[in-house]
Every structure is written in C-alpha cells, then in structure tokens.
C-alpha cells in the first residue's frame, strides 16, 4: 500500500533528459537527429568533456556523452524487447516500419494485447546498442493498481 507521504516524496515534475554514453559522438548525433528527429541545443561551456545535448519537438532531452574508452563498451547484441529500453509513441506504426526499412535499420516487431486492445511495438538499436521502442502505446489505458494514486497525479493518459 502506498503511504500518503510517498506519492511524490521528491516533488518531481517530469523527466528532464536521458544520458547515453556513445562510442562515436558523430554517429550518435547522426542517428538521433536523422532517425528520431532530435535537434542539437546549446550545451554549457563549463562541461569539459565531449558530448552533445539534443531536444525533441515532443519534449524529451537526450545528452550524448562521448565514451572515454569506446573499445571497452559492450558490443551490440541481438534485439531483445525484454532488455532495457526507452519508448516513443508515434502517429503511424506503418510509416515508422516503412522508414526503418528504407534506412535499413534492423528491428523486431511485437504486439501486446489486453481486453481486445492491441499495442504494436518496434524495437531496434541505436549505434551503441541502446534499445529503442516505437509504439502506439496510447491504445492501452494506464490503470493504476492503487486507486488513490490517481488523485495525486495529473495524467494525460486514457483511463
């Protein structure tokens, strides 16, 4: 059971960014700009290491950090939808699949079904093996397990 004072103990508002360590800053910049539509934003000049800050029109920030030892980074493995990943919702799964094929990006397609509703998912890797999911996840409602949680949150999901 969720305690009354634990609903948002740190008073969090939203996710700010995701940091990704990369083998090649140049390859990752190309991928996040040309595949996922991010654009570069100004990065504080006091940061004394190679990297780039990106932002999206849909409100997500990504910080790319050049690895100090790219050769020691784990190698890309097979696409596993049960691996760590981050997910983006899209307007058209068919268009995303077509674009991935045009860009020759390997992906795995899965489907989640619940009470007659279906969510399609496409999983693929960035240049460093970070798993990315594209889905139509808004087809599936968010149903809290603890009823009182919803009264302390402002969700924009179908209920």
N, C-alpha and C. Protein backbone atom coordinates (compact mmCIF):
# COMPACT_ATOMS: atom_id res chain seq x y z
N UNK A 1 0.84 -1.18 0.00
CA UNK A 1 0.00 0.00 0.00
C UNK A 1 0.89 1.24 0.00
N UNK A 2 0.55 2.23 -0.80
CA UNK A 2 1.31 3.47 -0.90
C UNK A 2 0.97 4.35 0.29
N UNK A 3 2.00 4.80 1.00
CA UNK A 3 1.78 5.69 2.13
C UNK A 3 1.44 7.08 1.61
N UNK A 4 0.66 7.80 2.35
CA UNK A 4 0.20 9.14 1.96
C UNK A 4 1.36 10.07 1.58
N UNK A 5 2.44 10.07 2.37
CA UNK A 5 3.54 10.99 2.10
C UNK A 5 4.51 10.48 1.04
N UNK A 6 4.29 9.29 0.47
CA UNK A 6 5.20 8.73 -0.53
C UNK A 6 4.68 8.88 -1.96
N UNK A 7 3.58 9.57 -2.17
CA UNK A 7 3.02 9.69 -3.52
C UNK A 7 3.96 10.41 -4.47
N UNK A 8 4.65 11.40 -3.98
CA UNK A 8 5.66 12.11 -4.76
C UNK A 8 6.62 12.75 -3.77
N UNK A 9 7.38 11.93 -3.04
CA UNK A 9 8.20 12.45 -1.94
C UNK A 9 9.23 13.49 -2.37
N UNK A 10 9.73 13.40 -3.60
CA UNK A 10 10.73 14.35 -4.07
C UNK A 10 10.11 15.51 -4.86
N UNK A 11 8.78 15.52 -4.98
CA UNK A 11 8.07 16.57 -5.72
C UNK A 11 8.57 16.69 -7.16
N UNK A 12 8.71 15.54 -7.83
CA UNK A 12 9.17 15.50 -9.22
C UNK A 12 8.09 16.03 -10.14
N UNK A 13 8.51 16.69 -11.25
CA UNK A 13 7.57 17.26 -12.21
C UNK A 13 7.55 16.51 -13.52
N UNK A 14 8.69 16.09 -14.01
CA UNK A 14 8.76 15.40 -15.29
C UNK A 14 10.17 14.86 -15.48
N UNK A 15 10.33 14.03 -16.50
CA UNK A 15 11.68 13.58 -16.85
C UNK A 15 12.34 14.73 -17.59
N UNK A 16 13.61 14.99 -17.30
CA UNK A 16 14.32 16.09 -17.93
C UNK A 16 15.10 15.61 -19.14
N UNK A 17 15.91 14.57 -18.97
CA UNK A 17 16.68 14.06 -20.10
C UNK A 17 17.14 12.64 -19.80
N UNK A 18 17.65 12.01 -20.83
CA UNK A 18 18.27 10.69 -20.75
C UNK A 18 19.70 10.88 -21.23
N UNK A 19 20.67 10.36 -20.48
CA UNK A 19 22.08 10.43 -20.90
C UNK A 19 22.49 9.09 -21.49
N UNK A 20 23.21 9.16 -22.59
CA UNK A 20 23.66 7.96 -23.29
C UNK A 20 25.14 8.10 -23.59
N UNK A 21 25.93 7.16 -23.10
CA UNK A 21 27.36 7.12 -23.41
C UNK A 21 27.50 6.45 -24.77
N UNK A 22 28.29 7.07 -25.64
CA UNK A 22 28.40 6.54 -27.01
C UNK A 22 29.85 6.34 -27.42
N UNK A 23 30.03 5.37 -28.33
CA UNK A 23 31.36 5.10 -28.88
C UNK A 23 31.81 6.25 -29.78
N UNK A 24 30.87 6.70 -30.61
CA UNK A 24 31.16 7.76 -31.57
C UNK A 24 30.09 8.84 -31.46
N UNK A 25 30.49 9.99 -30.94
CA UNK A 25 29.55 11.10 -30.81
C UNK A 25 28.96 11.46 -32.18
N UNK A 26 29.79 11.42 -33.20
CA UNK A 26 29.34 11.77 -34.55
C UNK A 26 28.25 10.82 -35.06
N UNK A 27 28.45 9.50 -34.90
CA UNK A 27 27.45 8.52 -35.35
C UNK A 27 26.15 8.65 -34.55
N UNK A 28 26.29 8.87 -33.24
CA UNK A 28 25.09 9.00 -32.40
C UNK A 28 24.32 10.28 -32.72
N UNK A 29 25.04 11.37 -32.95
CA UNK A 29 24.36 12.61 -33.36
C UNK A 29 23.57 12.40 -34.64
N UNK A 30 24.20 11.75 -35.61
CA UNK A 30 23.53 11.47 -36.88
C UNK A 30 22.26 10.64 -36.65
N UNK A 31 22.36 9.59 -35.85
CA UNK A 31 21.23 8.71 -35.58
C UNK A 31 20.08 9.46 -34.90
N UNK A 32 20.39 10.14 -33.80
CA UNK A 32 19.32 10.79 -33.03
C UNK A 32 18.68 11.96 -33.78
N UNK A 33 19.44 12.60 -34.66
CA UNK A 33 18.86 13.67 -35.46
C UNK A 33 18.08 13.12 -36.65
N UNK A 34 18.68 12.21 -37.41
CA UNK A 34 18.09 11.79 -38.68
C UNK A 34 17.13 10.61 -38.58
N UNK A 35 17.19 9.85 -37.50
CA UNK A 35 16.25 8.74 -37.33
C UNK A 35 15.12 9.14 -36.38
N UNK A 36 15.47 9.76 -35.24
CA UNK A 36 14.45 10.06 -34.24
C UNK A 36 14.01 11.52 -34.21
N UNK A 37 14.63 12.38 -35.01
CA UNK A 37 14.16 13.76 -35.15
C UNK A 37 14.56 14.72 -34.04
N UNK A 38 15.62 14.42 -33.29
CA UNK A 38 16.10 15.35 -32.27
C UNK A 38 16.91 16.45 -32.94
N UNK A 39 17.06 17.58 -32.25
CA UNK A 39 17.89 18.66 -32.76
C UNK A 39 18.85 19.12 -31.66
N UNK A 40 20.05 19.56 -32.06
CA UNK A 40 21.04 19.98 -31.06
C UNK A 40 20.61 21.28 -30.37
N UNK A 41 20.92 21.36 -29.09
CA UNK A 41 20.70 22.59 -28.32
C UNK A 41 22.02 22.95 -27.64
N UNK A 42 22.11 24.20 -27.22
CA UNK A 42 23.34 24.67 -26.60
C UNK A 42 23.64 23.91 -25.32
N UNK A 43 24.88 23.57 -25.18
CA UNK A 43 25.39 22.82 -24.03
C UNK A 43 26.29 23.75 -23.23
N UNK A 44 26.21 23.72 -21.90
CA UNK A 44 27.04 24.63 -21.10
C UNK A 44 28.53 24.49 -21.43
N UNK A 45 29.18 25.62 -21.60
CA UNK A 45 30.60 25.61 -21.96
C UNK A 45 31.48 25.13 -20.82
N UNK A 46 30.95 25.08 -19.60
CA UNK A 46 31.75 24.61 -18.46
C UNK A 46 31.93 23.10 -18.46
N UNK A 47 31.19 22.39 -19.30
CA UNK A 47 31.36 20.93 -19.37
C UNK A 47 32.66 20.65 -20.13
N UNK A 48 33.59 19.99 -19.48
CA UNK A 48 34.92 19.81 -20.06
C UNK A 48 35.12 18.39 -20.61
N UNK A 49 34.10 17.86 -21.26
CA UNK A 49 34.21 16.55 -21.91
C UNK A 49 33.35 16.60 -23.17
N UNK A 50 33.67 15.72 -24.11
CA UNK A 50 32.95 15.69 -25.39
C UNK A 50 31.53 15.18 -25.19
N UNK A 51 30.61 15.87 -25.80
CA UNK A 51 29.22 15.46 -25.73
C UNK A 51 28.34 16.41 -26.52
N UNK A 52 27.07 16.14 -26.51
CA UNK A 52 26.10 16.99 -27.19
C UNK A 52 24.76 16.88 -26.47
N UNK A 53 24.03 17.96 -26.46
CA UNK A 53 22.68 17.95 -25.91
C UNK A 53 21.71 18.06 -27.07
N UNK A 54 20.69 17.22 -27.02
CA UNK A 54 19.66 17.21 -28.06
C UNK A 54 18.30 17.37 -27.40
N UNK A 55 17.36 17.88 -28.17
CA UNK A 55 16.00 18.04 -27.68
C UNK A 55 15.06 17.64 -28.81
N UNK A 56 13.80 17.38 -28.46
CA UNK A 56 12.83 16.98 -29.48
C UNK A 56 11.62 17.91 -29.41
N UNK A 57 10.89 17.95 -30.48
CA UNK A 57 9.64 18.73 -30.52
C UNK A 57 8.58 18.12 -29.61
N UNK A 58 8.80 16.91 -29.15
CA UNK A 58 7.84 16.25 -28.27
C UNK A 58 8.30 16.27 -26.82
N UNK A 59 9.26 17.14 -26.48
CA UNK A 59 9.59 17.44 -25.10
C UNK A 59 10.55 16.53 -24.38
N UNK A 60 11.41 15.81 -25.09
CA UNK A 60 12.37 14.91 -24.45
C UNK A 60 13.78 15.38 -24.76
N UNK A 61 14.64 15.38 -23.75
CA UNK A 61 16.04 15.73 -23.93
C UNK A 61 16.91 14.49 -23.87
N UNK A 62 17.94 14.48 -24.69
CA UNK A 62 18.94 13.41 -24.66
C UNK A 62 20.31 14.06 -24.60
N UNK A 63 21.13 13.60 -23.68
CA UNK A 63 22.51 14.06 -23.59
C UNK A 63 23.41 12.93 -24.05
N UNK A 64 24.16 13.20 -25.09
CA UNK A 64 25.12 12.21 -25.60
C UNK A 64 26.47 12.50 -24.98
N UNK A 65 27.11 11.46 -24.45
CA UNK A 65 28.40 11.60 -23.80
C UNK A 65 29.40 10.70 -24.51
N UNK A 66 30.45 11.28 -25.04
CA UNK A 66 31.48 10.50 -25.71
C UNK A 66 32.20 9.63 -24.68
N UNK A 67 32.25 8.33 -24.93
CA UNK A 67 32.94 7.41 -24.03
C UNK A 67 34.42 7.75 -23.99
N UNK A 68 35.00 7.65 -22.79
CA UNK A 68 36.44 7.86 -22.65
C UNK A 68 37.20 6.64 -23.14
N UNK A 69 36.53 5.49 -23.22
CA UNK A 69 37.17 4.26 -23.67
C UNK A 69 36.17 3.48 -24.54
N UNK A 70 35.95 3.94 -25.78
CA UNK A 70 34.94 3.33 -26.65
C UNK A 70 35.12 1.83 -26.86
N UNK A 71 36.36 1.35 -26.88
CA UNK A 71 36.61 -0.07 -27.14
C UNK A 71 36.13 -0.98 -26.00
N UNK A 72 36.00 -0.41 -24.81
CA UNK A 72 35.58 -1.23 -23.67
C UNK A 72 34.06 -1.27 -23.52
N UNK A 73 33.34 -0.51 -24.34
CA UNK A 73 31.88 -0.52 -24.25
C UNK A 73 31.34 -1.86 -24.73
N UNK A 74 30.24 -2.32 -24.12
CA UNK A 74 29.65 -3.60 -24.56
C UNK A 74 29.27 -3.53 -26.04
N UNK A 75 29.43 -4.65 -26.70
CA UNK A 75 29.07 -4.73 -28.12
C UNK A 75 27.56 -4.85 -28.26
N UNK A 76 27.07 -4.43 -29.41
CA UNK A 76 25.64 -4.53 -29.71
C UNK A 76 25.27 -6.01 -29.71
N UNK A 77 24.17 -6.32 -29.05
CA UNK A 77 23.69 -7.70 -29.01
C UNK A 77 22.42 -7.81 -29.82
N UNK A 78 21.84 -9.00 -29.83
CA UNK A 78 20.60 -9.17 -30.59
C UNK A 78 19.50 -8.29 -30.00
N UNK A 79 18.52 -7.99 -30.80
CA UNK A 79 17.39 -7.16 -30.37
C UNK A 79 16.50 -8.00 -29.47
N UNK A 80 16.37 -7.57 -28.23
CA UNK A 80 15.58 -8.29 -27.24
C UNK A 80 14.58 -7.32 -26.61
N UNK A 81 13.29 -7.42 -26.95
CA UNK A 81 12.29 -6.50 -26.40
C UNK A 81 12.22 -6.49 -24.88
N UNK A 82 12.78 -7.51 -24.22
CA UNK A 82 12.76 -7.55 -22.76
C UNK A 82 14.01 -6.94 -22.16
N UNK A 83 14.84 -6.31 -22.97
CA UNK A 83 16.05 -5.66 -22.48
C UNK A 83 15.72 -4.22 -22.09
N UNK A 84 16.67 -3.54 -21.41
CA UNK A 84 16.48 -2.13 -21.08
C UNK A 84 16.21 -1.35 -22.37
N UNK A 85 15.29 -0.41 -22.31
CA UNK A 85 14.98 0.41 -23.47
C UNK A 85 14.22 1.64 -23.05
N UNK A 86 14.12 2.59 -23.97
CA UNK A 86 13.18 3.68 -23.79
C UNK A 86 12.26 3.70 -24.99
N UNK A 87 11.06 4.24 -24.79
CA UNK A 87 9.99 4.07 -25.76
C UNK A 87 9.41 5.41 -26.20
N UNK A 88 9.08 5.49 -27.48
CA UNK A 88 8.44 6.66 -28.06
C UNK A 88 7.11 6.24 -28.67
N UNK A 89 6.09 7.05 -28.46
CA UNK A 89 4.81 6.83 -29.14
C UNK A 89 4.88 7.50 -30.50
N UNK A 90 4.14 6.95 -31.45
CA UNK A 90 4.16 7.52 -32.80
C UNK A 90 2.75 7.69 -33.32
N UNK A 91 2.64 8.38 -34.43
CA UNK A 91 1.36 8.60 -35.09
C UNK A 91 0.96 7.40 -35.94
N UNK A 92 1.93 6.80 -36.64
CA UNK A 92 1.62 5.72 -37.58
C UNK A 92 2.70 4.65 -37.52
N UNK A 93 2.31 3.48 -37.03
CA UNK A 93 3.26 2.36 -36.98
C UNK A 93 3.69 1.94 -38.38
N UNK A 94 2.77 1.98 -39.33
CA UNK A 94 3.10 1.58 -40.71
C UNK A 94 4.16 2.51 -41.29
N UNK A 95 4.06 3.80 -41.03
CA UNK A 95 5.04 4.75 -41.54
C UNK A 95 6.39 4.52 -40.88
N UNK A 96 6.41 4.27 -39.56
CA UNK A 96 7.67 4.02 -38.86
C UNK A 96 8.34 2.77 -39.43
N UNK A 97 7.57 1.71 -39.61
CA UNK A 97 8.14 0.47 -40.14
C UNK A 97 8.71 0.70 -41.54
N UNK A 98 8.00 1.44 -42.36
CA UNK A 98 8.47 1.73 -43.72
C UNK A 98 9.78 2.52 -43.68
N UNK A 99 9.84 3.54 -42.81
CA UNK A 99 11.05 4.36 -42.71
C UNK A 99 12.24 3.55 -42.20
N UNK A 100 12.01 2.69 -41.21
CA UNK A 100 13.10 1.85 -40.70
C UNK A 100 13.63 0.94 -41.81
N UNK A 101 12.74 0.40 -42.61
CA UNK A 101 13.16 -0.45 -43.73
C UNK A 101 13.95 0.35 -44.75
N UNK A 102 13.48 1.57 -45.07
CA UNK A 102 14.20 2.43 -46.02
C UNK A 102 15.60 2.76 -45.52
N UNK A 103 15.73 2.96 -44.20
CA UNK A 103 17.03 3.31 -43.60
C UNK A 103 17.87 2.06 -43.31
N UNK A 104 17.32 0.89 -43.63
CA UNK A 104 17.98 -0.40 -43.41
C UNK A 104 18.37 -0.60 -41.95
N UNK A 105 17.44 -0.23 -41.05
CA UNK A 105 17.62 -0.44 -39.63
C UNK A 105 16.88 -1.72 -39.25
N UNK A 106 17.62 -2.68 -38.71
CA UNK A 106 17.01 -3.95 -38.29
C UNK A 106 16.14 -3.71 -37.07
N UNK A 107 14.98 -4.37 -37.04
CA UNK A 107 14.06 -4.22 -35.93
C UNK A 107 13.32 -5.52 -35.67
N UNK A 108 12.72 -5.59 -34.50
CA UNK A 108 11.85 -6.70 -34.12
C UNK A 108 10.48 -6.11 -33.86
N UNK A 109 9.47 -6.80 -34.38
CA UNK A 109 8.08 -6.33 -34.23
C UNK A 109 7.35 -7.25 -33.26
N UNK A 110 6.65 -6.65 -32.29
CA UNK A 110 5.86 -7.42 -31.34
C UNK A 110 4.50 -6.77 -31.16
N UNK A 111 3.62 -7.49 -30.47
CA UNK A 111 2.27 -6.96 -30.21
C UNK A 111 1.86 -7.36 -28.79
N UNK A 112 1.26 -6.42 -28.08
CA UNK A 112 0.69 -6.67 -26.76
C UNK A 112 -0.82 -6.55 -26.90
N UNK A 113 -1.54 -7.51 -26.35
CA UNK A 113 -3.00 -7.50 -26.41
C UNK A 113 -3.56 -7.56 -25.00
N UNK A 114 -4.60 -6.78 -24.75
CA UNK A 114 -5.26 -6.76 -23.45
C UNK A 114 -6.70 -6.32 -23.65
N UNK A 115 -7.63 -7.17 -23.25
CA UNK A 115 -9.07 -6.86 -23.32
C UNK A 115 -9.49 -6.32 -24.69
N UNK A 116 -8.99 -6.94 -25.75
CA UNK A 116 -9.38 -6.54 -27.10
C UNK A 116 -8.61 -5.35 -27.65
N UNK A 117 -7.74 -4.76 -26.86
CA UNK A 117 -6.91 -3.64 -27.32
C UNK A 117 -5.54 -4.17 -27.72
N UNK A 118 -4.95 -3.55 -28.74
CA UNK A 118 -3.66 -4.00 -29.24
C UNK A 118 -2.66 -2.85 -29.27
N UNK A 119 -1.44 -3.16 -28.85
CA UNK A 119 -0.34 -2.21 -28.94
C UNK A 119 0.73 -2.86 -29.80
N UNK A 120 1.10 -2.19 -30.88
CA UNK A 120 2.18 -2.66 -31.75
C UNK A 120 3.47 -2.01 -31.30
N UNK A 121 4.56 -2.76 -31.36
CA UNK A 121 5.86 -2.29 -30.91
C UNK A 121 6.92 -2.66 -31.93
N UNK A 122 7.85 -1.73 -32.17
CA UNK A 122 9.03 -1.98 -32.99
C UNK A 122 10.25 -1.68 -32.12
N UNK A 123 11.17 -2.63 -32.03
CA UNK A 123 12.37 -2.46 -31.22
C UNK A 123 13.59 -2.48 -32.13
N UNK A 124 14.53 -1.56 -31.87
CA UNK A 124 15.78 -1.51 -32.63
C UNK A 124 16.84 -0.84 -31.77
N UNK A 125 18.08 -0.88 -32.25
CA UNK A 125 19.21 -0.33 -31.51
C UNK A 125 19.68 0.99 -32.10
N UNK A 126 20.23 1.85 -31.22
CA UNK A 126 20.98 3.00 -31.71
C UNK A 126 22.38 2.49 -32.06
N UNK A 127 23.30 3.34 -32.53
CA UNK A 127 24.62 2.85 -32.94
C UNK A 127 25.42 2.14 -31.84
N UNK A 128 25.06 2.37 -30.58
CA UNK A 128 25.79 1.77 -29.48
C UNK A 128 25.06 0.62 -28.80
N UNK A 129 23.93 0.21 -29.35
CA UNK A 129 23.19 -0.91 -28.80
C UNK A 129 22.11 -0.53 -27.81
N UNK A 130 21.88 0.77 -27.60
CA UNK A 130 20.79 1.20 -26.73
C UNK A 130 19.48 0.82 -27.42
N UNK A 131 18.62 0.10 -26.69
CA UNK A 131 17.36 -0.37 -27.26
C UNK A 131 16.34 0.77 -27.28
N UNK A 132 15.68 0.90 -28.41
CA UNK A 132 14.64 1.90 -28.60
C UNK A 132 13.38 1.19 -29.04
N UNK A 133 12.26 1.60 -28.47
CA UNK A 133 10.95 1.07 -28.85
C UNK A 133 10.13 2.21 -29.45
N UNK A 134 9.44 1.91 -30.52
CA UNK A 134 8.43 2.82 -31.08
C UNK A 134 7.12 2.06 -30.98
N UNK A 135 6.08 2.72 -30.48
CA UNK A 135 4.82 2.01 -30.26
C UNK A 135 3.63 2.93 -30.46
N UNK A 136 2.47 2.30 -30.47
CA UNK A 136 1.20 3.03 -30.38
C UNK A 136 0.59 2.74 -29.01
N UNK A 137 1.42 2.96 -27.98
CA UNK A 137 1.08 2.60 -26.60
C UNK A 137 -0.13 3.33 -26.06
N UNK A 138 -0.50 4.44 -26.67
CA UNK A 138 -1.68 5.15 -26.18
C UNK A 138 -2.97 4.38 -26.46
N UNK A 139 -2.88 3.26 -27.19
CA UNK A 139 -4.04 2.38 -27.38
C UNK A 139 -4.42 1.64 -26.10
N UNK A 140 -3.47 1.52 -25.18
CA UNK A 140 -3.69 0.76 -23.95
C UNK A 140 -3.80 1.73 -22.79
N UNK A 141 -4.91 1.69 -22.05
CA UNK A 141 -5.07 2.64 -20.95
C UNK A 141 -4.12 2.34 -19.79
N UNK A 142 -3.77 3.39 -19.06
CA UNK A 142 -2.99 3.26 -17.84
C UNK A 142 -3.99 3.07 -16.71
N UNK A 143 -3.92 1.92 -16.07
CA UNK A 143 -4.86 1.59 -14.99
C UNK A 143 -4.06 1.41 -13.71
N UNK A 144 -4.13 2.38 -12.80
CA UNK A 144 -3.34 2.27 -11.57
C UNK A 144 -3.77 1.10 -10.71
N UNK A 145 -2.81 0.47 -10.06
CA UNK A 145 -3.10 -0.62 -9.15
C UNK A 145 -3.62 -0.10 -7.81
N UNK A 146 -3.20 1.09 -7.43
CA UNK A 146 -3.67 1.71 -6.19
C UNK A 146 -4.57 2.88 -6.57
N UNK A 147 -5.84 2.80 -6.26
CA UNK A 147 -6.83 3.79 -6.68
C UNK A 147 -6.46 5.20 -6.25
N UNK A 148 -5.94 5.40 -5.04
CA UNK A 148 -5.67 6.74 -4.55
C UNK A 148 -4.49 7.42 -5.23
N UNK A 149 -3.66 6.68 -5.97
CA UNK A 149 -2.52 7.29 -6.66
C UNK A 149 -2.99 8.30 -7.69
N UNK A 150 -4.05 8.00 -8.39
CA UNK A 150 -4.52 8.88 -9.46
C UNK A 150 -4.95 10.24 -8.93
N UNK A 151 -5.40 10.32 -7.70
CA UNK A 151 -5.87 11.59 -7.17
C UNK A 151 -4.72 12.55 -6.91
N UNK A 152 -3.50 12.03 -6.82
CA UNK A 152 -2.35 12.91 -6.56
C UNK A 152 -1.56 13.19 -7.84
N UNK A 153 -1.95 12.60 -8.96
CA UNK A 153 -1.24 12.78 -10.22
C UNK A 153 -2.15 13.41 -11.25
N UNK A 154 -1.54 14.07 -12.19
CA UNK A 154 -2.27 14.63 -13.32
C UNK A 154 -1.80 13.90 -14.56
N UNK A 155 -2.54 12.90 -15.00
CA UNK A 155 -2.17 12.10 -16.16
C UNK A 155 -2.87 12.58 -17.42
N UNK A 156 -2.20 12.46 -18.53
CA UNK A 156 -2.81 12.73 -19.83
C UNK A 156 -3.04 11.44 -20.58
N UNK A 157 -3.26 10.36 -19.86
CA UNK A 157 -3.49 9.06 -20.48
C UNK A 157 -4.98 8.74 -20.42
N UNK A 158 -5.41 7.88 -21.35
CA UNK A 158 -6.79 7.40 -21.32
C UNK A 158 -6.99 6.56 -20.07
N UNK A 159 -8.07 6.76 -19.39
CA UNK A 159 -8.39 5.94 -18.23
C UNK A 159 -9.71 5.23 -18.45
